[in-house]
């Protein structure tokens, strides 16, 4: 359907967001190799030229996908923003709840990252180099502070951060992608509290 037949004329930002949403949906169903710009254009009811007008290179579209999923309108990380003013267990709870609730609400982005890794696609690399490492280092900073204060035993802070994030993300993956939620239904709040308790107990510095 030609663009002129659309009832509402979208602003440039609205059109960009529409293209990104359609691309995400198709990529998550068919993978990156199985999705063409023509199919994205047809599903969005626009021309391929319009896609290239907003995203001159495919990398620009991939970056926009990450931005839409991870950032607010000002370009700030949604997760990092949630951690402002939080410390200790409260910060870990905020991270776990954010990830669990986000993945439960819409696992599309998690599926995209899996397709990207399996197909050797650039999206996962772009994500890791930007928001992935940013989140890891931010959490490692919290852990390092708790070590310095004597609350946590001394280990590699980045490895400890990966352990905590891995626990949460793997749970989400099993629930939302592999279908474990059909057999194990636990509210995100309780799940987050349990993971934080496990992590803090394991990291606690025990005085002899």
N, C-alpha and C. Protein backbone atom coordinates (compact mmCIF):
# COMPACT_ATOMS: atom_id res chain seq x y z
N UNK A 1 0.84 -1.19 0.00
CA UNK A 1 0.00 0.00 0.00
C UNK A 1 0.88 1.24 0.00
N UNK A 2 0.69 2.20 -0.92
CA UNK A 2 1.52 3.39 -0.96
C UNK A 2 1.38 4.21 0.30
N UNK A 3 2.41 4.99 0.60
CA UNK A 3 2.39 5.79 1.81
C UNK A 3 1.28 6.83 1.78
N UNK A 4 0.96 7.33 0.57
CA UNK A 4 -0.04 8.39 0.46
C UNK A 4 -1.42 7.92 0.88
N UNK A 5 -1.62 6.59 0.95
CA UNK A 5 -2.92 6.06 1.34
C UNK A 5 -3.05 5.93 2.84
N UNK A 6 -1.97 6.12 3.58
CA UNK A 6 -2.07 6.08 5.04
C UNK A 6 -2.93 7.23 5.51
N UNK A 7 -3.84 6.97 6.42
CA UNK A 7 -4.76 8.00 6.88
C UNK A 7 -4.06 9.12 7.63
N UNK A 8 -3.09 8.77 8.44
CA UNK A 8 -2.41 9.77 9.25
C UNK A 8 -0.98 9.93 8.76
N UNK A 9 -0.57 11.17 8.56
CA UNK A 9 0.81 11.42 8.16
C UNK A 9 1.67 11.48 9.41
N UNK A 10 2.62 10.59 9.51
CA UNK A 10 3.46 10.51 10.70
C UNK A 10 4.60 11.51 10.65
N UNK A 11 5.01 11.97 11.82
CA UNK A 11 6.20 12.81 11.89
C UNK A 11 7.42 11.94 11.62
N UNK A 12 8.56 12.57 11.39
CA UNK A 12 9.78 11.81 11.11
C UNK A 12 10.12 10.87 12.27
N UNK A 13 9.97 11.34 13.50
CA UNK A 13 10.27 10.51 14.67
C UNK A 13 9.29 9.35 14.78
N UNK A 14 8.00 9.62 14.53
CA UNK A 14 6.98 8.56 14.58
C UNK A 14 7.25 7.51 13.51
N UNK A 15 7.66 7.97 12.32
CA UNK A 15 7.95 7.03 11.25
C UNK A 15 9.16 6.16 11.59
N UNK A 16 10.20 6.77 12.18
CA UNK A 16 11.37 6.01 12.60
C UNK A 16 11.00 4.93 13.61
N UNK A 17 10.17 5.31 14.58
CA UNK A 17 9.76 4.35 15.61
C UNK A 17 8.91 3.24 15.00
N UNK A 18 8.07 3.58 14.04
CA UNK A 18 7.24 2.57 13.39
C UNK A 18 8.12 1.55 12.65
N UNK A 19 9.11 2.06 11.91
CA UNK A 19 10.01 1.17 11.16
C UNK A 19 10.76 0.26 12.11
N UNK A 20 11.26 0.82 13.21
CA UNK A 20 12.01 0.03 14.19
C UNK A 20 11.14 -1.07 14.78
N UNK A 21 9.91 -0.73 15.16
CA UNK A 21 9.01 -1.72 15.76
C UNK A 21 8.69 -2.86 14.79
N UNK A 22 8.42 -2.50 13.54
CA UNK A 22 8.12 -3.52 12.53
C UNK A 22 9.34 -4.40 12.28
N UNK A 23 10.52 -3.77 12.17
CA UNK A 23 11.75 -4.53 11.94
C UNK A 23 12.02 -5.49 13.09
N UNK A 24 11.83 -5.02 14.32
CA UNK A 24 12.04 -5.88 15.49
C UNK A 24 11.13 -7.09 15.45
N UNK A 25 9.87 -6.85 15.13
CA UNK A 25 8.90 -7.95 15.12
C UNK A 25 9.29 -9.00 14.07
N UNK A 26 9.67 -8.54 12.88
CA UNK A 26 10.04 -9.48 11.82
C UNK A 26 11.36 -10.19 12.13
N UNK A 27 12.35 -9.44 12.61
CA UNK A 27 13.64 -10.05 12.96
C UNK A 27 13.46 -11.13 14.03
N UNK A 28 12.57 -10.85 15.01
CA UNK A 28 12.39 -11.80 16.12
C UNK A 28 11.66 -13.07 15.67
N UNK A 29 10.91 -12.98 14.57
CA UNK A 29 10.18 -14.15 14.05
C UNK A 29 10.99 -14.94 13.03
N UNK A 30 11.75 -14.21 12.19
CA UNK A 30 12.42 -14.86 11.06
C UNK A 30 13.94 -14.80 11.13
N UNK A 31 14.46 -14.06 12.08
CA UNK A 31 15.90 -13.87 12.13
C UNK A 31 16.32 -12.75 11.19
N UNK A 32 17.59 -12.40 11.22
CA UNK A 32 18.08 -11.30 10.40
C UNK A 32 18.29 -11.74 8.95
N UNK A 33 18.77 -12.96 8.78
CA UNK A 33 19.01 -13.45 7.42
C UNK A 33 17.71 -13.72 6.68
N UNK A 34 16.64 -13.98 7.44
CA UNK A 34 15.37 -14.31 6.81
C UNK A 34 14.44 -13.13 6.62
N UNK A 35 14.94 -11.92 6.88
CA UNK A 35 14.11 -10.72 6.76
C UNK A 35 14.77 -9.72 5.82
N UNK A 36 14.00 -9.22 4.86
CA UNK A 36 14.52 -8.23 3.91
C UNK A 36 13.90 -6.87 4.18
N UNK A 37 14.55 -5.83 3.65
CA UNK A 37 13.99 -4.47 3.79
C UNK A 37 12.67 -4.37 3.05
N UNK A 38 12.51 -5.13 1.98
CA UNK A 38 11.24 -5.11 1.24
C UNK A 38 10.10 -5.61 2.14
N UNK A 39 10.38 -6.68 2.91
CA UNK A 39 9.35 -7.22 3.80
C UNK A 39 9.03 -6.23 4.92
N UNK A 40 10.05 -5.56 5.43
CA UNK A 40 9.82 -4.55 6.47
C UNK A 40 8.96 -3.43 5.91
N UNK A 41 9.27 -3.00 4.68
CA UNK A 41 8.52 -1.92 4.03
C UNK A 41 7.06 -2.33 3.80
N UNK A 42 6.86 -3.55 3.32
CA UNK A 42 5.49 -4.03 3.07
C UNK A 42 4.68 -4.09 4.36
N UNK A 43 5.29 -4.61 5.44
CA UNK A 43 4.58 -4.72 6.71
C UNK A 43 4.27 -3.33 7.29
N UNK A 44 5.17 -2.36 7.06
CA UNK A 44 4.97 -1.00 7.57
C UNK A 44 4.12 -0.16 6.63
N UNK A 45 3.82 -0.72 5.44
CA UNK A 45 3.02 -0.02 4.42
C UNK A 45 3.71 1.26 3.95
N UNK A 46 5.00 1.11 3.70
CA UNK A 46 5.80 2.22 3.18
C UNK A 46 6.69 1.67 2.07
N UNK A 47 7.46 2.55 1.44
CA UNK A 47 8.39 2.11 0.39
C UNK A 47 9.75 1.80 1.00
N UNK A 48 10.53 1.01 0.29
CA UNK A 48 11.90 0.73 0.76
C UNK A 48 12.70 2.03 0.82
N UNK A 49 12.41 2.94 -0.10
CA UNK A 49 13.12 4.23 -0.13
C UNK A 49 12.93 4.99 1.18
N UNK A 50 11.75 4.86 1.77
CA UNK A 50 11.49 5.54 3.03
C UNK A 50 12.34 4.97 4.15
N UNK A 51 12.55 3.66 4.14
CA UNK A 51 13.42 3.04 5.14
C UNK A 51 14.82 3.60 5.01
N UNK A 52 15.34 3.66 3.77
CA UNK A 52 16.71 4.14 3.56
C UNK A 52 16.82 5.64 3.83
N UNK A 53 15.72 6.34 3.71
CA UNK A 53 15.72 7.77 4.02
C UNK A 53 15.97 7.98 5.51
N UNK A 54 15.38 7.13 6.34
CA UNK A 54 15.53 7.25 7.79
C UNK A 54 16.76 6.50 8.31
N UNK A 55 17.11 5.41 7.63
CA UNK A 55 18.26 4.60 8.06
C UNK A 55 19.12 4.31 6.83
N UNK A 56 20.09 5.17 6.59
CA UNK A 56 20.93 5.05 5.40
C UNK A 56 21.70 3.73 5.37
N UNK A 57 22.10 3.26 6.54
CA UNK A 57 22.82 1.99 6.64
C UNK A 57 22.08 1.07 7.60
N UNK A 58 22.25 -0.24 7.41
CA UNK A 58 21.60 -1.21 8.28
C UNK A 58 22.05 -1.03 9.73
N UNK A 59 23.32 -0.65 9.91
CA UNK A 59 23.85 -0.45 11.26
C UNK A 59 23.06 0.63 12.01
N UNK A 60 22.58 1.63 11.26
CA UNK A 60 21.79 2.70 11.88
C UNK A 60 20.46 2.16 12.40
N UNK A 61 19.88 1.23 11.66
CA UNK A 61 18.63 0.60 12.10
C UNK A 61 18.88 -0.25 13.34
N UNK A 62 19.98 -0.99 13.36
CA UNK A 62 20.29 -1.84 14.51
C UNK A 62 20.53 -0.99 15.76
N UNK A 63 21.23 0.12 15.59
CA UNK A 63 21.48 1.02 16.72
C UNK A 63 20.17 1.61 17.22
N UNK A 64 19.25 1.91 16.30
CA UNK A 64 17.96 2.47 16.69
C UNK A 64 17.14 1.45 17.47
N UNK A 65 17.26 0.18 17.12
CA UNK A 65 16.57 -0.89 17.86
C UNK A 65 17.05 -0.91 19.30
N UNK A 66 18.37 -0.85 19.48
CA UNK A 66 18.95 -0.85 20.83
C UNK A 66 18.51 0.40 21.59
N UNK A 67 18.54 1.53 20.93
CA UNK A 67 18.13 2.78 21.58
C UNK A 67 16.69 2.71 22.06
N UNK A 68 15.80 2.18 21.22
CA UNK A 68 14.38 2.11 21.59
C UNK A 68 14.16 1.19 22.78
N UNK A 69 14.94 0.12 22.86
CA UNK A 69 14.76 -0.85 23.92
C UNK A 69 15.45 -0.45 25.22
N UNK A 70 16.55 0.25 25.11
CA UNK A 70 17.39 0.50 26.29
C UNK A 70 17.42 1.94 26.77
N UNK A 71 17.02 2.88 25.94
CA UNK A 71 17.16 4.30 26.29
C UNK A 71 15.82 5.01 26.39
N UNK A 72 15.82 6.15 27.12
CA UNK A 72 14.64 7.00 27.13
C UNK A 72 14.74 7.98 25.97
N UNK A 73 13.80 8.91 25.86
CA UNK A 73 13.78 9.84 24.74
C UNK A 73 15.00 10.76 24.71
N UNK A 74 15.64 10.92 25.87
CA UNK A 74 16.83 11.79 25.95
C UNK A 74 18.12 11.00 25.69
N UNK A 75 17.98 9.70 25.43
CA UNK A 75 19.15 8.89 25.14
C UNK A 75 19.82 8.30 26.36
N UNK A 76 19.21 8.45 27.53
CA UNK A 76 19.79 7.89 28.76
C UNK A 76 19.32 6.45 28.94
N UNK A 77 20.19 5.64 29.52
CA UNK A 77 19.85 4.25 29.79
C UNK A 77 18.69 4.16 30.78
N UNK A 78 17.64 3.43 30.39
CA UNK A 78 16.48 3.26 31.27
C UNK A 78 16.87 2.56 32.56
N UNK A 79 17.76 1.57 32.45
CA UNK A 79 18.17 0.81 33.64
C UNK A 79 19.04 1.67 34.56
N UNK A 80 20.04 2.34 34.01
CA UNK A 80 20.93 3.17 34.82
C UNK A 80 20.14 4.27 35.50
N UNK A 81 19.15 4.80 34.82
CA UNK A 81 18.33 5.87 35.39
C UNK A 81 17.57 5.37 36.61
N UNK A 82 17.16 4.11 36.58
CA UNK A 82 16.44 3.53 37.72
C UNK A 82 17.31 3.37 38.95
N UNK A 83 18.61 3.34 38.73
CA UNK A 83 19.53 3.12 39.85
C UNK A 83 19.94 4.40 40.57
N UNK A 84 19.53 5.53 40.03
CA UNK A 84 19.90 6.81 40.65
C UNK A 84 19.38 6.88 42.09
N UNK A 85 20.28 7.18 43.01
CA UNK A 85 19.90 7.32 44.42
C UNK A 85 19.75 6.01 45.16
N UNK A 86 20.02 4.89 44.49
CA UNK A 86 19.88 3.58 45.14
C UNK A 86 21.26 3.01 45.48
N UNK A 87 21.31 2.21 46.53
CA UNK A 87 22.57 1.62 46.96
C UNK A 87 22.29 0.24 47.57
N UNK A 88 23.35 -0.56 47.72
CA UNK A 88 23.20 -1.85 48.37
C UNK A 88 22.18 -2.75 47.72
N UNK A 89 21.42 -3.46 48.54
CA UNK A 89 20.42 -4.41 48.04
C UNK A 89 19.37 -3.73 47.16
N UNK A 90 19.05 -2.49 47.50
CA UNK A 90 18.03 -1.76 46.74
C UNK A 90 18.43 -1.64 45.27
N UNK A 91 19.72 -1.40 45.02
CA UNK A 91 20.20 -1.28 43.64
C UNK A 91 20.09 -2.61 42.91
N UNK A 92 20.47 -3.70 43.58
CA UNK A 92 20.40 -5.02 42.95
C UNK A 92 18.95 -5.42 42.70
N UNK A 93 18.05 -5.06 43.61
CA UNK A 93 16.63 -5.33 43.42
C UNK A 93 16.11 -4.57 42.20
N UNK A 94 16.54 -3.32 42.05
CA UNK A 94 16.09 -2.50 40.93
C UNK A 94 16.53 -3.11 39.60
N UNK A 95 17.77 -3.58 39.55
CA UNK A 95 18.29 -4.21 38.33
C UNK A 95 17.51 -5.49 38.00
N UNK A 96 17.38 -6.36 38.99
CA UNK A 96 16.70 -7.64 38.76
C UNK A 96 15.24 -7.43 38.35
N UNK A 97 14.54 -6.55 39.05
CA UNK A 97 13.13 -6.30 38.72
C UNK A 97 12.97 -5.70 37.33
N UNK A 98 13.84 -4.75 37.01
CA UNK A 98 13.75 -4.11 35.69
C UNK A 98 13.90 -5.16 34.58
N UNK A 99 14.91 -6.01 34.69
CA UNK A 99 15.16 -7.02 33.66
C UNK A 99 14.03 -8.05 33.60
N UNK A 100 13.61 -8.54 34.75
CA UNK A 100 12.56 -9.56 34.79
C UNK A 100 11.24 -9.03 34.22
N UNK A 101 10.86 -7.83 34.65
CA UNK A 101 9.59 -7.25 34.19
C UNK A 101 9.64 -6.86 32.72
N UNK A 102 10.79 -6.34 32.27
CA UNK A 102 10.93 -5.96 30.87
C UNK A 102 10.84 -7.18 29.96
N UNK A 103 11.54 -8.25 30.32
CA UNK A 103 11.51 -9.46 29.51
C UNK A 103 10.15 -10.14 29.54
N UNK A 104 9.49 -10.08 30.70
CA UNK A 104 8.17 -10.69 30.81
C UNK A 104 7.15 -9.93 29.96
N UNK A 105 7.26 -8.62 29.96
CA UNK A 105 6.32 -7.79 29.20
C UNK A 105 6.49 -7.98 27.70
N UNK A 106 7.74 -8.06 27.25
CA UNK A 106 8.00 -8.21 25.82
C UNK A 106 9.39 -8.83 25.61
N UNK A 107 9.45 -10.12 25.29
CA UNK A 107 10.74 -10.80 25.12
C UNK A 107 11.36 -10.61 23.73
N UNK A 108 10.77 -9.73 22.92
CA UNK A 108 11.23 -9.55 21.54
C UNK A 108 12.72 -9.24 21.45
N UNK A 109 13.19 -8.29 22.26
CA UNK A 109 14.59 -7.88 22.17
C UNK A 109 15.53 -9.02 22.57
N UNK A 110 15.13 -9.79 23.55
CA UNK A 110 15.93 -10.94 23.97
C UNK A 110 16.03 -11.96 22.83
N UNK A 111 14.94 -12.14 22.09
CA UNK A 111 14.95 -13.04 20.94
C UNK A 111 15.88 -12.52 19.85
N UNK A 112 15.86 -11.19 19.67
CA UNK A 112 16.74 -10.59 18.66
C UNK A 112 18.20 -10.84 18.98
N UNK A 113 18.56 -10.69 20.24
CA UNK A 113 19.95 -10.91 20.65
C UNK A 113 20.35 -12.37 20.41
N UNK A 114 19.43 -13.29 20.65
CA UNK A 114 19.72 -14.71 20.42
C UNK A 114 19.91 -14.99 18.93
N UNK A 115 19.00 -14.46 18.10
CA UNK A 115 19.15 -14.63 16.66
C UNK A 115 20.48 -14.05 16.19
N UNK A 116 20.80 -12.86 16.71
CA UNK A 116 22.03 -12.18 16.32
C UNK A 116 23.26 -13.02 16.63
N UNK A 117 23.28 -13.59 17.84
CA UNK A 117 24.43 -14.41 18.25
C UNK A 117 24.52 -15.67 17.40
N UNK A 118 23.39 -16.32 17.14
CA UNK A 118 23.38 -17.57 16.38
C UNK A 118 23.75 -17.36 14.91
N UNK A 119 23.36 -16.20 14.36
CA UNK A 119 23.61 -15.93 12.95
C UNK A 119 24.90 -15.14 12.73
N UNK A 120 25.63 -14.86 13.81
CA UNK A 120 26.85 -14.07 13.68
C UNK A 120 26.57 -12.66 13.22
N UNK A 121 25.46 -12.10 13.70
CA UNK A 121 25.01 -10.78 13.28
C UNK A 121 25.60 -9.68 14.15
N UNK A 122 25.59 -8.45 13.64
CA UNK A 122 26.24 -7.33 14.32
C UNK A 122 25.46 -6.79 15.54
N UNK A 123 24.17 -7.04 15.59
CA UNK A 123 23.35 -6.42 16.65
C UNK A 123 23.87 -6.74 18.04
N UNK A 124 24.19 -8.02 18.29
CA UNK A 124 24.64 -8.38 19.64
C UNK A 124 25.96 -7.71 19.97
N UNK A 125 26.85 -7.56 18.99
CA UNK A 125 28.12 -6.87 19.23
C UNK A 125 27.89 -5.40 19.58
N UNK A 126 26.99 -4.77 18.82
CA UNK A 126 26.68 -3.35 19.07
C UNK A 126 26.09 -3.19 20.47
N UNK A 127 25.20 -4.11 20.85
CA UNK A 127 24.58 -4.04 22.17
C UNK A 127 25.61 -4.23 23.28
N UNK A 128 26.47 -5.24 23.13
CA UNK A 128 27.48 -5.51 24.16
C UNK A 128 28.41 -4.31 24.32
N UNK A 129 28.86 -3.75 23.20
CA UNK A 129 29.82 -2.64 23.24
C UNK A 129 29.21 -1.36 23.81
N UNK A 130 27.89 -1.25 23.77
CA UNK A 130 27.25 -0.03 24.28
C UNK A 130 26.58 -0.31 25.62
N UNK A 131 25.32 -0.68 25.62
CA UNK A 131 24.57 -0.84 26.86
C UNK A 131 24.99 -2.05 27.68
N UNK A 132 25.42 -3.12 27.05
CA UNK A 132 25.81 -4.32 27.80
C UNK A 132 26.98 -4.06 28.74
N UNK A 133 28.07 -3.53 28.19
CA UNK A 133 29.25 -3.25 29.01
C UNK A 133 29.00 -2.11 29.98
N UNK A 134 28.16 -1.16 29.58
CA UNK A 134 27.83 -0.05 30.48
C UNK A 134 27.15 -0.57 31.75
N UNK A 135 26.18 -1.45 31.56
CA UNK A 135 25.46 -2.02 32.71
C UNK A 135 26.40 -2.87 33.57
N UNK A 136 27.23 -3.67 32.91
CA UNK A 136 28.17 -4.53 33.62
C UNK A 136 29.12 -3.70 34.49
N UNK A 137 29.69 -2.66 33.90
CA UNK A 137 30.65 -1.82 34.64
C UNK A 137 29.98 -1.03 35.76
N UNK A 138 28.73 -0.61 35.52
CA UNK A 138 28.00 0.13 36.55
C UNK A 138 27.77 -0.77 37.76
N UNK A 139 27.34 -2.01 37.50
CA UNK A 139 27.09 -2.95 38.59
C UNK A 139 28.40 -3.35 39.27
N UNK A 140 29.46 -3.52 38.48
CA UNK A 140 30.77 -3.86 39.05
C UNK A 140 31.24 -2.76 39.99
N UNK A 141 30.89 -1.52 39.68
CA UNK A 141 31.25 -0.41 40.55
C UNK A 141 30.57 -0.51 41.90
N UNK A 142 29.29 -0.90 41.90
CA UNK A 142 28.56 -1.11 43.16
C UNK A 142 29.24 -2.22 43.98
N UNK A 143 29.56 -3.30 43.28
CA UNK A 143 30.16 -4.45 43.96
C UNK A 143 31.52 -4.09 44.54
N UNK A 144 32.32 -3.35 43.78
CA UNK A 144 33.64 -2.94 44.26
C UNK A 144 33.53 -2.07 45.52
N UNK A 145 32.50 -1.22 45.54
CA UNK A 145 32.28 -0.37 46.71
C UNK A 145 31.93 -1.22 47.94
N UNK A 146 31.08 -2.23 47.74
CA UNK A 146 30.71 -3.11 48.85
C UNK A 146 31.91 -3.93 49.33
N UNK A 147 32.80 -4.26 48.43
CA UNK A 147 34.04 -4.94 48.84
C UNK A 147 34.91 -4.00 49.67
N UNK A 148 35.03 -2.78 49.21
CA UNK A 148 35.85 -1.80 49.91
C UNK A 148 35.31 -1.52 51.31
N UNK A 149 33.98 -1.53 51.43
CA UNK A 149 33.34 -1.27 52.72
C UNK A 149 33.40 -2.48 53.65
N UNK A 150 33.85 -3.62 53.12
CA UNK A 150 33.98 -4.82 53.93
C UNK A 150 32.73 -5.69 53.98
N UNK A 151 31.71 -5.32 53.20
CA UNK A 151 30.47 -6.11 53.20
C UNK A 151 30.59 -7.35 52.32
N UNK A 152 31.35 -7.25 51.22
CA UNK A 152 31.53 -8.36 50.29
C UNK A 152 32.96 -8.88 50.38
N UNK A 153 33.11 -10.17 50.14
CA UNK A 153 34.45 -10.76 50.03
C UNK A 153 35.11 -10.22 48.76
N UNK A 154 36.42 -10.27 48.71
CA UNK A 154 37.14 -9.73 47.57
C UNK A 154 37.27 -10.76 46.45
N UNK A 155 36.62 -10.44 45.34
CA UNK A 155 36.71 -11.25 44.13
C UNK A 155 36.77 -10.28 42.96
N UNK A 156 36.86 -10.80 41.75
CA UNK A 156 36.83 -9.94 40.55
C UNK A 156 35.43 -9.32 40.44
N UNK A 157 35.35 -8.00 40.54
CA UNK A 157 34.06 -7.32 40.56
C UNK A 157 33.26 -7.50 39.28
N UNK A 158 33.95 -7.52 38.14
CA UNK A 158 33.24 -7.68 36.87
C UNK A 158 32.70 -9.11 36.72
N UNK A 159 33.46 -10.09 37.20
CA UNK A 159 32.96 -11.47 37.16
C UNK A 159 31.75 -11.64 38.07
N UNK A 160 31.81 -11.01 39.24
CA UNK A 160 30.68 -11.08 40.17
C UNK A 160 29.46 -10.42 39.55
N UNK A 161 29.66 -9.29 38.86
CA UNK A 161 28.55 -8.61 38.19
C UNK A 161 27.95 -9.50 37.11
N UNK A 162 28.80 -10.18 36.36
CA UNK A 162 28.31 -11.09 35.33
C UNK A 162 27.53 -12.25 35.95
N UNK A 163 27.98 -12.72 37.10
CA UNK A 163 27.28 -13.83 37.76
C UNK A 163 25.85 -13.40 38.13
N UNK A 164 25.72 -12.20 38.69
CA UNK A 164 24.39 -11.74 39.09
C UNK A 164 23.50 -11.51 37.86
N UNK A 165 24.02 -10.80 36.87
CA UNK A 165 23.24 -10.54 35.67
C UNK A 165 22.90 -11.84 34.95
N UNK A 166 23.85 -12.78 34.93
CA UNK A 166 23.61 -14.05 34.27
C UNK A 166 22.49 -14.83 34.92
N UNK A 167 22.42 -14.78 36.25
CA UNK A 167 21.36 -15.47 36.98
C UNK A 167 19.98 -14.94 36.55
N UNK A 168 19.87 -13.62 36.46
CA UNK A 168 18.60 -12.98 36.12
C UNK A 168 18.25 -13.20 34.66
N UNK A 169 19.20 -12.96 33.77
CA UNK A 169 18.93 -13.06 32.34
C UNK A 169 18.65 -14.51 31.92
N UNK A 170 19.40 -15.45 32.47
CA UNK A 170 19.15 -16.86 32.13
C UNK A 170 17.76 -17.28 32.58
N UNK A 171 17.34 -16.83 33.75
CA UNK A 171 16.00 -17.15 34.24
C UNK A 171 14.96 -16.61 33.25
N UNK A 172 15.13 -15.36 32.83
CA UNK A 172 14.19 -14.74 31.88
C UNK A 172 14.16 -15.51 30.57
N UNK A 173 15.33 -15.91 30.10
CA UNK A 173 15.42 -16.65 28.85
C UNK A 173 14.67 -17.97 28.95
N UNK A 174 14.87 -18.68 30.04
CA UNK A 174 14.18 -19.96 30.23
C UNK A 174 12.67 -19.76 30.33
N UNK A 175 12.26 -18.71 31.03
CA UNK A 175 10.83 -18.44 31.20
C UNK A 175 10.16 -18.04 29.90
N UNK A 176 10.72 -17.03 29.22
CA UNK A 176 10.04 -16.39 28.11
C UNK A 176 10.32 -17.01 26.74
N UNK A 177 11.50 -17.61 26.56
CA UNK A 177 11.84 -18.17 25.25
C UNK A 177 11.68 -19.68 25.21
N UNK A 178 12.14 -20.36 26.26
CA UNK A 178 12.06 -21.83 26.28
C UNK A 178 10.73 -22.34 26.85
N UNK A 179 9.93 -21.43 27.41
CA UNK A 179 8.59 -21.83 27.86
C UNK A 179 8.49 -22.36 29.27
N UNK A 180 9.52 -22.13 30.10
CA UNK A 180 9.49 -22.63 31.47
C UNK A 180 8.35 -22.02 32.29
N UNK A 181 7.86 -20.84 31.87
CA UNK A 181 6.80 -20.18 32.63
C UNK A 181 5.50 -21.00 32.64
N UNK A 182 5.37 -21.94 31.73
CA UNK A 182 4.18 -22.80 31.73
C UNK A 182 4.21 -23.78 32.91
N UNK A 183 5.40 -24.01 33.44
CA UNK A 183 5.56 -24.98 34.51
C UNK A 183 5.99 -24.36 35.84
N UNK A 184 6.58 -23.16 35.77
CA UNK A 184 7.08 -22.50 36.97
C UNK A 184 6.67 -21.02 36.93
N UNK A 185 5.64 -20.69 37.71
CA UNK A 185 5.15 -19.31 37.71
C UNK A 185 5.41 -18.66 39.07
N UNK A 186 6.41 -17.80 39.09
CA UNK A 186 6.77 -17.08 40.31
C UNK A 186 6.75 -15.59 40.00
N UNK A 187 6.10 -14.77 40.83
CA UNK A 187 6.04 -13.33 40.58
C UNK A 187 7.44 -12.71 40.49
N UNK A 188 7.65 -11.73 39.61
CA UNK A 188 8.96 -11.10 39.46
C UNK A 188 9.53 -10.56 40.77
N UNK A 189 8.67 -10.01 41.62
CA UNK A 189 9.15 -9.45 42.90
C UNK A 189 9.81 -10.53 43.75
N UNK A 190 9.14 -11.67 43.87
CA UNK A 190 9.68 -12.77 44.68
C UNK A 190 10.95 -13.33 44.04
N UNK A 191 10.96 -13.45 42.71
CA UNK A 191 12.14 -13.95 42.00
C UNK A 191 13.33 -13.05 42.25
N UNK A 192 13.10 -11.73 42.11
CA UNK A 192 14.18 -10.76 42.31
C UNK A 192 14.71 -10.83 43.74
N UNK A 193 13.81 -10.89 44.70
CA UNK A 193 14.23 -10.95 46.11
C UNK A 193 15.08 -12.20 46.37
N UNK A 194 14.67 -13.32 45.78
CA UNK A 194 15.42 -14.57 45.97
C UNK A 194 16.81 -14.49 45.35
N UNK A 195 16.89 -13.97 44.14
CA UNK A 195 18.20 -13.86 43.48
C UNK A 195 19.13 -12.92 44.24
N UNK A 196 18.60 -11.81 44.72
CA UNK A 196 19.42 -10.86 45.48
C UNK A 196 19.90 -11.51 46.77
N UNK A 197 19.03 -12.25 47.43
CA UNK A 197 19.41 -12.94 48.67
C UNK A 197 20.51 -13.97 48.41
N UNK A 198 20.35 -14.76 47.34
CA UNK A 198 21.37 -15.76 46.99
C UNK A 198 22.71 -15.08 46.73
N UNK A 199 22.67 -13.99 45.97
CA UNK A 199 23.90 -13.30 45.61
C UNK A 199 24.58 -12.69 46.84
N UNK A 200 23.80 -12.01 47.67
CA UNK A 200 24.38 -11.34 48.83
C UNK A 200 24.92 -12.36 49.84
N UNK A 201 24.21 -13.48 49.99
CA UNK A 201 24.70 -14.51 50.91
C UNK A 201 26.01 -15.12 50.40
N UNK A 202 26.08 -15.32 49.10
CA UNK A 202 27.29 -15.88 48.52
C UNK A 202 28.47 -14.94 48.56
N UNK A 203 28.18 -13.63 48.47
CA UNK A 203 29.25 -12.62 48.42
C UNK A 203 29.61 -12.08 49.81
N UNK A 204 28.81 -12.40 50.80
CA UNK A 204 29.03 -11.84 52.14
C UNK A 204 30.42 -12.19 52.68
N UNK A 205 31.06 -11.18 53.22
CA UNK A 205 32.38 -11.42 53.84
C UNK A 205 32.17 -11.95 55.25
N UNK A 206 32.64 -13.16 55.48
CA UNK A 206 32.48 -13.79 56.78
C UNK A 206 33.75 -13.61 57.62
N UNK A 207 33.58 -13.02 58.75
CA UNK A 207 34.72 -12.75 59.63
C UNK A 207 35.01 -13.96 60.53
N UNK A 208 36.24 -14.32 60.61
CA UNK A 208 36.65 -15.48 61.42
C UNK A 208 36.80 -15.05 62.88
